[in-house]
Amino acid sequence: MTTSASASSPDSAWAVVRVLRDRNAGLYLAGVVVSGFGTSALWLASGVWVKDLTGSNGLAALCLLAMWAPTLAGPLLGTLADRVRRKPLLIGTNLLPAALLLTLLGAGSPGRLWLIYTVLFLYGAAGVVQDAAESALVAAAVDRSLLGDFNGLRMTANEGMKLVAPLAGAGLYAAYGGPGVALLDAVTFVVAAGVCALLRVREDRVVPTTAGWWARTAEGTCFLWAHARLRRLVLAAAGTMLCAGVSGALLYAVVDGLGHAPAYAGVLYAVQGAGSVVLGLASGPALRLLGGRRFAAAGIALTACAVAARAAPADPVALACSAASGVGLPCVLIAAMTAVQRETPGALLGRTAATAGTLMFTPNVVGLAAGAALVELVDYRLLLVVLGAALLVIATVLLQSPASASRTSDRSPSDANPA
């Protein structure tokens, strides 16, 4: 993406309004808000539920792992989004979790723990398919010039729900227990399915193919890897999320260094979420002004400064760094996904989007695990400075022109691959 005259037109200043006035975009965002509220509430309540049933912190942490694990199969699950019509698939992937969650109404004893994990795992798998189908359908249903704004608003909606839904979920759990939260989440999925049914979009007929499932899965991966611009953005996002995962695992060490109780982490999370909400509103115009590569690199560089500065044991610095991370971290994710939606053929978009999602978000989980181990062995302040330097390297490599990147690749393939 390059800067164009449209970036300075009066319409660009009202891009958010234009997205909301687009019927399909508005409906999508309404669905994101509704289902995101239920998901964020369940994310917190499921761990608390298991903790209350078993008294084990480790078993409670497995709830998050169960929901994230299907991301590893993203390329395979995303193939489904290219085999069937996406609107019915979106409706189905909202109704399936709703039905699954109702089975948790009877999971009130430690002996039914397996049911909670099974439902969370299938819930996560449905979410992977849903994300792939949504990315593909959005690209067809929403004006291409609004995709950056839409993805930014989607980020705003998600982060906004993370600010309010966990508190609502905690209150509902305190009043009615885990089954109450599960029922709430099920209702939000049914409402989201109804919103999806209202979408007006014409989909191309799915062309039958004799290729096997694995061959079709590989097509999306091969397209992404062969597309130099998409590959560089996705790899930059992967490297950024790896560093973000390690940094996230150091959060409680940072809080301890500030002299606060662990609950203070909630304040830092809220400030970071507020930063992401602001970024989501500004991302569309920023993408048009800077172009995807520079927008992503600027966000990574801002995140680098924020991560390194967290080594300073001062409350004002910690709060400012959380806000800066909230603004900077989503930039590369928005840029990469918008580029995938714009530059991938419709027939491949489900698989390619799912592959990109796996490559971008799996490193975050790996980083969390690595950070949890490293924080016991190395001073967290040194780790934060090293992570900041690594992020600056990623931003610098991403800013290289294609020709410069090609010459670098000729000299040393490892130097050209920041991830």
Foldseek 3Di string as FASTA:
>chain_A
DAADPVLPDPVVVCLLVVQCPQLQLVLLLVLLLLLLLLVLLLLQQQLVQLCVQPVDNVLSVVLVVLLCVLLLVLLLLLLVLLQDPLLVLLLVLLQVLLVLLLVCLPVNHPVCSVSSSVSSNVNNSSVSNNQLSVLLQCLQRPDLLSLLLSLLSSLLSNLVSNLPSNVVSVVQCVVPNDSSSSNSSSVSSNVSSVSSVPGDGDDDDRDDDPDDSVVLSVVLVVVQVVPVLLVLLLLLLLLLLLLVLLLVLCLQVLCVLLVHDSVCSSVLSNLLSVLSNVLSNCRSSVCNHQPLLLQLLVLLLLLLVLLLQSLDNDDVSSSVSSSSNSNRSCSSVSSSSSCLSVPPPSSSRSSNNSVSSSSNNVSSVVSNVVNNVVVVPDPSNVSSNVSSVLSNLSSVLSPDDPVRLVVVCVVPVVSNRSD
